[in-house]
Amino acid sequence: MQFLEGSTILGTATLAGGRATLQADGLASERNAIEASYEGGGNYDATTSHSVIEVIRVPRKQPVVARAALRPVFAQ
């Protein structure tokens, strides 16, 4: 199976037990319309799913505050 966003192939996955799973890294931080396409084979015809809308929200970056305790060093 292929997973697509428009004409862009996001990746391929093996169909097993009626399911295919794809971990897609690098999707844009927005709405993504993803489709699955099966080329057919054996007793099954080729088919393409309806689009599934995946919304990816990236949390706002929080400022990092670092604190260090400075202690005086005395020469012996």
PDB file of N, CA and C in Angstrom:
ATOM      1  N   MET A   1       0.835  -1.174   0.000  1.00  0.00           N
ATOM      2  CA  MET A   1       0.000   0.000   0.000  1.00  0.00           C
ATOM      3  C   MET A   1       0.871   1.225   0.000  1.00  0.00           C
ATOM      4  N   GLN A   2       0.357   2.263  -0.621  1.00  0.00           N
ATOM      5  CA  GLN A   2       1.019   3.560  -0.588  1.00  0.00           C
ATOM      6  C   GLN A   2       0.136   4.536   0.178  1.00  0.00           C
ATOM      7  N   PHE A   3       0.796   5.416   0.922  1.00  0.00           N
ATOM      8  CA  PHE A   3       0.097   6.501   1.588  1.00  0.00           C
ATOM      9  C   PHE A   3       0.530   7.785   0.900  1.00  0.00           C
ATOM     10  N   LEU A   4      -0.458   8.601   0.533  1.00  0.00           N
ATOM     11  CA  LEU A   4      -0.181   9.797  -0.244  1.00  0.00           C
ATOM     12  C   LEU A   4      -0.823  11.020   0.375  1.00  0.00           C
ATOM     13  N   GLU A   5      -0.199  12.173   0.110  1.00  0.00           N
ATOM     14  CA  GLU A   5      -0.822  13.464   0.383  1.00  0.00           C
ATOM     15  C   GLU A   5      -0.832  14.184  -0.947  1.00  0.00           C
ATOM     16  N   GLY A   6      -2.001  14.202  -1.571  1.00  0.00           N
ATOM     17  CA  GLY A   6      -2.089  14.695  -2.944  1.00  0.00           C
ATOM     18  C   GLY A   6      -1.332  13.733  -3.837  1.00  0.00           C
ATOM     19  N   SER A   7      -0.379  14.234  -4.607  1.00  0.00           N
ATOM     20  CA  SER A   7       0.418  13.356  -5.476  1.00  0.00           C
ATOM     21  C   SER A   7       1.752  12.966  -4.831  1.00  0.00           C
ATOM     22  N   THR A   8       1.992  13.434  -3.605  1.00  0.00           N
ATOM     23  CA  THR A   8       3.242  13.132  -2.906  1.00  0.00           C
ATOM     24  C   THR A   8       3.128  11.816  -2.150  1.00  0.00           C
ATOM     25  N   ILE A   9       4.011  10.877  -2.449  1.00  0.00           N
ATOM     26  CA  ILE A   9       4.017   9.592  -1.742  1.00  0.00           C
ATOM     27  C   ILE A   9       4.712   9.790  -0.402  1.00  0.00           C
ATOM     28  N   LEU A  10       3.968   9.534   0.678  1.00  0.00           N
ATOM     29  CA  LEU A  10       4.524   9.652   2.026  1.00  0.00           C
ATOM     30  C   LEU A  10       5.318   8.415   2.412  1.00  0.00           C
ATOM     31  N   GLY A  11       4.930   7.278   1.837  1.00  0.00           N
ATOM     32  CA  GLY A  11       5.633   6.041   2.127  1.00  0.00           C
ATOM     33  C   GLY A  11       4.779   4.848   1.757  1.00  0.00           C
ATOM     34  N   THR A  12       5.338   3.667   1.945  1.00  0.00           N
ATOM     35  CA  THR A  12       4.627   2.428   1.661  1.00  0.00           C
ATOM     36  C   THR A  12       4.596   1.572   2.919  1.00  0.00           C
ATOM     37  N   ALA A  13       3.624   0.702   2.971  1.00  0.00           N
ATOM     38  CA  ALA A  13       3.491  -0.205   4.107  1.00  0.00           C
ATOM     39  C   ALA A  13       2.920  -1.524   3.611  1.00  0.00           C
ATOM     40  N   THR A  14       3.233  -2.581   4.322  1.00  0.00           N
ATOM     41  CA  THR A  14       2.737  -3.913   3.978  1.00  0.00           C
ATOM     42  C   THR A  14       1.353  -4.106   4.581  1.00  0.00           C
ATOM     43  N   LEU A  15       0.463  -4.646   3.782  1.00  0.00           N
ATOM     44  CA  LEU A  15      -0.879  -4.964   4.246  1.00  0.00           C
ATOM     45  C   LEU A  15      -0.835  -6.302   4.958  1.00  0.00           C
ATOM     46  N   ALA A  16      -1.262  -6.321   6.217  1.00  0.00           N
ATOM     47  CA  ALA A  16      -1.259  -7.556   7.012  1.00  0.00           C
ATOM     48  C   ALA A  16      -2.510  -7.586   7.876  1.00  0.00           C
ATOM     49  N   GLY A  17      -3.287  -8.632   7.724  1.00  0.00           N
ATOM     50  CA  GLY A  17      -4.503  -8.751   8.515  1.00  0.00           C
ATOM     51  C   GLY A  17      -5.505  -7.648   8.232  1.00  0.00           C
ATOM     52  N   GLY A  18      -5.495  -7.146   7.017  1.00  0.00           N
ATOM     53  CA  GLY A  18      -6.443  -6.096   6.649  1.00  0.00           C
ATOM     54  C   GLY A  18      -6.014  -4.705   7.077  1.00  0.00           C
ATOM     55  N   ARG A  19      -4.800  -4.551   7.591  1.00  0.00           N
ATOM     56  CA  ARG A  19      -4.325  -3.239   8.057  1.00  0.00           C
ATOM     57  C   ARG A  19      -2.946  -2.929   7.500  1.00  0.00           C
ATOM     58  N   ALA A  20      -2.695  -1.657   7.335  1.00  0.00           N
ATOM     59  CA  ALA A  20      -1.362  -1.174   6.973  1.00  0.00           C
ATOM     60  C   ALA A  20      -1.107   0.059   7.820  1.00  0.00           C
ATOM     61  N   THR A  21       0.087   0.156   8.348  1.00  0.00           N
ATOM     62  CA  THR A  21       0.434   1.274   9.226  1.00  0.00           C
ATOM     63  C   THR A  21       1.678   1.965   8.693  1.00  0.00           C
ATOM     64  N   LEU A  22       1.661   3.272   8.731  1.00  0.00           N
ATOM     65  CA  LEU A  22       2.801   4.052   8.289  1.00  0.00           C
ATOM     66  C   LEU A  22       3.082   5.141   9.305  1.00  0.00           C
ATOM     67  N   GLN A  23       4.330   5.252   9.716  1.00  0.00           N
ATOM     68  CA  GLN A  23       4.750   6.370  10.560  1.00  0.00           C
ATOM     69  C   GLN A  23       5.363   7.390   9.622  1.00  0.00           C
ATOM     70  N   ALA A  24       4.716   8.525   9.495  1.00  0.00           N
ATOM     71  CA  ALA A  24       5.163   9.544   8.552  1.00  0.00           C
ATOM     72  C   ALA A  24       5.788  10.699   9.316  1.00  0.00           C
ATOM     73  N   ASP A  25       7.086  10.810   9.234  1.00  0.00           N
ATOM     74  CA  ASP A  25       7.789  11.923   9.850  1.00  0.00           C
ATOM     75  C   ASP A  25       7.872  13.064   8.848  1.00  0.00           C
ATOM     76  N   GLY A  26       7.912  14.265   9.354  1.00  0.00           N
ATOM     77  CA  GLY A  26       8.123  15.408   8.483  1.00  0.00           C
ATOM     78  C   GLY A  26       6.868  15.981   7.851  1.00  0.00           C
ATOM     79  N   LEU A  27       5.681  15.607   8.345  1.00  0.00           N
ATOM     80  CA  LEU A  27       4.474  16.235   7.814  1.00  0.00           C
ATOM     81  C   LEU A  27       4.437  17.691   8.248  1.00  0.00           C
ATOM     82  N   ALA A  28       3.842  18.506   7.429  1.00  0.00           N
ATOM     83  CA  ALA A  28       3.757  19.925   7.741  1.00  0.00           C
ATOM     84  C   ALA A  28       2.870  20.151   8.956  1.00  0.00           C
ATOM     85  N   SER A  29       3.135  21.223   9.653  1.00  0.00           N
ATOM     86  CA  SER A  29       2.353  21.594  10.823  1.00  0.00           C
ATOM     87  C   SER A  29       1.090  22.311  10.361  1.00  0.00           C
ATOM     88  N   GLU A  30       0.150  21.539   9.885  1.00  0.00           N
ATOM     89  CA  GLU A  30      -1.088  22.073   9.324  1.00  0.00           C
ATOM     90  C   GLU A  30      -2.037  20.913   9.057  1.00  0.00           C
ATOM     91  N   ARG A  31      -3.067  21.175   8.262  1.00  0.00           N
ATOM     92  CA  ARG A  31      -3.989  20.106   7.854  1.00  0.00           C
ATOM     93  C   ARG A  31      -3.349  19.293   6.742  1.00  0.00           C
ATOM     94  N   ASN A  32      -3.393  17.986   6.886  1.00  0.00           N
ATOM     95  CA  ASN A  32      -2.841  17.083   5.873  1.00  0.00           C
ATOM     96  C   ASN A  32      -3.942  16.123   5.447  1.00  0.00           C
ATOM     97  N   ALA A  33      -4.244  16.084   4.143  1.00  0.00           N
ATOM     98  CA  ALA A  33      -5.240  15.152   3.606  1.00  0.00           C
ATOM     99  C   ALA A  33      -4.495  13.921   3.109  1.00  0.00           C
ATOM    100  N   ILE A  34      -4.639  12.814   3.831  1.00  0.00           N
ATOM    101  CA  ILE A  34      -3.874  11.607   3.544  1.00  0.00           C
ATOM    102  C   ILE A  34      -4.796  10.535   2.969  1.00  0.00           C
ATOM    103  N   GLU A  35      -4.335   9.876   1.915  1.00  0.00           N
ATOM    104  CA  GLU A  35      -5.069   8.779   1.286  1.00  0.00           C
ATOM    105  C   GLU A  35      -4.213   7.526   1.286  1.00  0.00           C
ATOM    106  N   ALA A  36      -4.866   6.388   1.280  1.00  0.00           N
ATOM    107  CA  ALA A  36      -4.173   5.107   1.137  1.00  0.00           C
ATOM    108  C   ALA A  36      -4.582   4.518  -0.206  1.00  0.00           C
ATOM    109  N   SER A  37      -3.616   3.986  -0.923  1.00  0.00           N
ATOM    110  CA  SER A  37      -3.879   3.421  -2.242  1.00  0.00           C
ATOM    111  C   SER A  37      -3.356   1.986  -2.289  1.00  0.00           C
ATOM    112  N   TYR A  38      -4.223   1.078  -2.753  1.00  0.00           N
ATOM    113  CA  TYR A  38      -3.858  -0.336  -2.874  1.00  0.00           C
ATOM    114  C   TYR A  38      -3.882  -0.705  -4.350  1.00  0.00           C
ATOM    115  N   GLU A  39      -2.806  -1.290  -4.848  1.00  0.00           N
ATOM    116  CA  GLU A  39      -2.682  -1.597  -6.275  1.00  0.00           C
ATOM    117  C   GLU A  39      -3.446  -2.846  -6.700  1.00  0.00           C
ATOM    118  N   GLY A  40      -3.966  -3.583  -5.745  1.00  0.00           N
ATOM    119  CA  GLY A  40      -4.680  -4.807  -6.068  1.00  0.00           C
ATOM    120  C   GLY A  40      -3.738  -5.992  -6.129  1.00  0.00           C
ATOM    121  N   GLY A  41      -4.312  -7.155  -6.174  1.00  0.00           N
ATOM    122  CA  GLY A  41      -3.504  -8.367  -6.236  1.00  0.00           C
ATOM    123  C   GLY A  41      -4.303  -9.544  -5.717  1.00  0.00           C
ATOM    124  N   GLY A  42      -3.993 -10.726  -6.216  1.00  0.00           N
ATOM    125  CA  GLY A  42      -4.733 -11.908  -5.774  1.00  0.00           C
ATOM    126  C   GLY A  42      -6.200 -11.766  -6.107  1.00  0.00           C
ATOM    127  N   ASN A  43      -7.045 -11.838  -5.119  1.00  0.00           N
ATOM    128  CA  ASN A  43      -8.499 -11.742  -5.312  1.00  0.00           C
ATOM    129  C   ASN A  43      -9.045 -10.343  -5.079  1.00  0.00           C
ATOM    130  N   TYR A  44      -8.176  -9.346  -4.936  1.00  0.00           N
ATOM    131  CA  TYR A  44      -8.635  -8.004  -4.566  1.00  0.00           C
ATOM    132  C   TYR A  44      -8.327  -6.993  -5.660  1.00  0.00           C
ATOM    133  N   ASP A  45      -9.284  -6.098  -5.906  1.00  0.00           N
ATOM    134  CA  ASP A  45      -9.134  -5.047  -6.904  1.00  0.00           C
ATOM    135  C   ASP A  45      -8.359  -3.868  -6.319  1.00  0.00           C
ATOM    136  N   ALA A  46      -7.796  -3.063  -7.209  1.00  0.00           N
ATOM    137  CA  ALA A  46      -7.134  -1.830  -6.789  1.00  0.00           C
ATOM    138  C   ALA A  46      -8.166  -0.860  -6.235  1.00  0.00           C
ATOM    139  N   THR A  47      -7.768  -0.080  -5.236  1.00  0.00           N
ATOM    140  CA  THR A  47      -8.683   0.893  -4.642  1.00  0.00           C
ATOM    141  C   THR A  47      -7.890   2.002  -3.968  1.00  0.00           C
ATOM    142  N   THR A  48      -8.539   3.151  -3.814  1.00  0.00           N
ATOM    143  CA  THR A  48      -7.965   4.279  -3.084  1.00  0.00           C
ATOM    144  C   THR A  48      -8.988   4.734  -2.060  1.00  0.00           C
ATOM    145  N   SER A  49      -8.529   4.985  -0.845  1.00  0.00           N
ATOM    146  CA  SER A  49      -9.427   5.407   0.232  1.00  0.00           C
ATOM    147  C   SER A  49      -9.882   6.847   0.039  1.00  0.00           C
ATOM    148  N   HIS A  50     -10.874   7.224   0.808  1.00  0.00           N
ATOM    149  CA  HIS A  50     -11.229   8.638   0.927  1.00  0.00           C
ATOM    150  C   HIS A  50     -10.126   9.306   1.731  1.00  0.00           C
ATOM    151  N   SER A  51     -10.000  10.610   1.577  1.00  0.00           N
ATOM    152  CA  SER A  51      -8.988  11.338   2.347  1.00  0.00           C
ATOM    153  C   SER A  51      -9.343  11.350   3.824  1.00  0.00           C
ATOM    154  N   VAL A  52      -8.320  11.204   4.634  1.00  0.00           N
ATOM    155  CA  VAL A  52      -8.444  11.370   6.081  1.00  0.00           C
ATOM    156  C   VAL A  52      -7.670  12.640   6.405  1.00  0.00           C
ATOM    157  N   ILE A  53      -8.316  13.551   7.110  1.00  0.00           N
ATOM    158  CA  ILE A  53      -7.659  14.806   7.466  1.00  0.00           C
ATOM    159  C   ILE A  53      -6.926  14.618   8.782  1.00  0.00           C
ATOM    160  N   GLU A  54      -5.632  14.833   8.738  1.00  0.00           N
ATOM    161  CA  GLU A  54      -4.783  14.750   9.932  1.00  0.00           C
ATOM    162  C   GLU A  54      -4.292  16.163  10.210  1.00  0.00           C
ATOM    163  N   VAL A  55      -4.613  16.671  11.392  1.00  0.00           N
ATOM    164  CA  VAL A  55      -4.178  18.014  11.767  1.00  0.00           C
ATOM    165  C   VAL A  55      -3.005  17.883  12.728  1.00  0.00           C
ATOM    166  N   ILE A  56      -1.910  18.496  12.362  1.00  0.00           N
ATOM    167  CA  ILE A  56      -0.710  18.428  13.192  1.00  0.00           C
ATOM    168  C   ILE A  56      -0.470  19.805  13.782  1.00  0.00           C
ATOM    169  N   ARG A  57      -0.420  19.820  15.101  1.00  0.00           N
ATOM    170  CA  ARG A  57      -0.155  21.080  15.797  1.00  0.00           C
ATOM    171  C   ARG A  57       1.150  20.945  16.561  1.00  0.00           C
ATOM    172  N   VAL A  58       2.031  21.856  16.294  1.00  0.00           N
ATOM    173  CA  VAL A  58       3.313  21.868  16.988  1.00  0.00           C
ATOM    174  C   VAL A  58       3.182  22.852  18.142  1.00  0.00           C
ATOM    175  N   PRO A  59       3.477  22.395  19.368  1.00  0.00           N
ATOM    176  CA  PRO A  59       3.348  23.319  20.500  1.00  0.00           C
ATOM    177  C   PRO A  59       4.315  24.489  20.374  1.00  0.00           C
ATOM    178  N   ARG A  60       3.871  25.622  20.889  1.00  0.00           N
ATOM    179  CA  ARG A  60       4.762  26.785  20.881  1.00  0.00           C
ATOM    180  C   ARG A  60       5.982  26.492  21.725  1.00  0.00           C
ATOM    181  N   LYS A  61       7.092  26.979  21.263  1.00  0.00           N
ATOM    182  CA  LYS A  61       8.325  26.774  22.030  1.00  0.00           C
ATOM    183  C   LYS A  61       8.296  27.648  23.269  1.00  0.00           C
ATOM    184  N   GLN A  62       8.608  27.039  24.374  1.00  0.00           N
ATOM    185  CA  GLN A  62       8.678  27.757  25.639  1.00  0.00           C
ATOM    186  C   GLN A  62      10.110  28.202  25.868  1.00  0.00           C
ATOM    187  N   PRO A  63      10.293  29.402  26.427  1.00  0.00           N
ATOM    188  CA  PRO A  63      11.662  29.816  26.705  1.00  0.00           C
ATOM    189  C   PRO A  63      12.297  28.902  27.748  1.00  0.00           C
ATOM    190  N   VAL A  64      13.553  28.643  27.576  1.00  0.00           N
ATOM    191  CA  VAL A  64      14.280  27.788  28.511  1.00  0.00           C
ATOM    192  C   VAL A  64      15.030  28.691  29.476  1.00  0.00           C
ATOM    193  N   VAL A  65      14.788  28.476  30.752  1.00  0.00           N
ATOM    194  CA  VAL A  65      15.468  29.256  31.770  1.00  0.00           C
ATOM    195  C   VAL A  65      16.441  28.328  32.479  1.00  0.00           C
ATOM    196  N   ALA A  66      17.698  28.684  32.433  1.00  0.00           N
ATOM    197  CA  ALA A  66      18.712  27.873  33.098  1.00  0.00           C
ATOM    198  C   ALA A  66      19.277  28.674  34.256  1.00  0.00           C
ATOM    199  N   ARG A  67      19.411  28.008  35.375  1.00  0.00           N
ATOM    200  CA  ARG A  67      19.974  28.661  36.542  1.00  0.00           C
ATOM    201  C   ARG A  67      21.165  27.849  37.019  1.00  0.00           C
ATOM    202  N   ALA A  68      22.157  28.546  37.417  1.00  0.00           N
ATOM    203  CA  ALA A  68      23.340  27.874  37.950  1.00  0.00           C
ATOM    204  C   ALA A  68      23.699  28.537  39.277  1.00  0.00           C
ATOM    205  N   ALA A  69      23.951  27.738  40.257  1.00  0.00           N
ATOM    206  CA  ALA A  69      24.384  28.261  41.550  1.00  0.00           C
ATOM    207  C   ALA A  69      25.885  28.419  41.517  1.00  0.00           C
ATOM    208  N   LEU A  70      26.345  29.639  41.684  1.00  0.00           N
ATOM    209  CA  LEU A  70      27.786  29.892  41.681  1.00  0.00           C
ATOM    210  C   LEU A  70      28.279  29.930  43.120  1.00  0.00           C
ATOM    211  N   ARG A  71      29.312  29.201  43.363  1.00  0.00           N
ATOM    212  CA  ARG A  71      29.892  29.173  44.701  1.00  0.00           C
ATOM    213  C   ARG A  71      31.331  29.684  44.616  1.00  0.00           C
ATOM    214  N   PRO A  72      31.721  30.494  45.552  1.00  0.00           N
ATOM    215  CA  PRO A  72      33.092  30.978  45.510  1.00  0.00           C
ATOM    216  C   PRO A  72      34.080  29.851  45.727  1.00  0.00           C
ATOM    217  N   VAL A  73      35.210  29.964  45.040  1.00  0.00           N
ATOM    218  CA  VAL A  73      36.278  28.977  45.187  1.00  0.00           C
ATOM    219  C   VAL A  73      37.422  29.673  45.926  1.00  0.00           C
ATOM    220  N   PHE A  74      37.847  29.091  47.042  1.00  0.00           N
ATOM    221  CA  PHE A  74      38.939  29.676  47.827  1.00  0.00           C
ATOM    222  C   PHE A  74      40.225  28.910  47.564  1.00  0.00           C
ATOM    223  N   ALA A  75      41.299  29.651  47.376  1.00  0.00           N
ATOM    224  CA  ALA A  75      42.602  29.020  47.184  1.00  0.00           C
ATOM    225  C   ALA A  75      43.117  28.508  48.523  1.00  0.00           C
ATOM    226  N   GLN A  76      43.776  27.362  48.513  1.00  0.00           N
ATOM    227  CA  GLN A  76      44.292  26.813  49.770  1.00  0.00           C
ATOM    228  C   GLN A  76      45.737  27.112  49.935  1.00  0.00           C
TER     229      GLN A  76
END
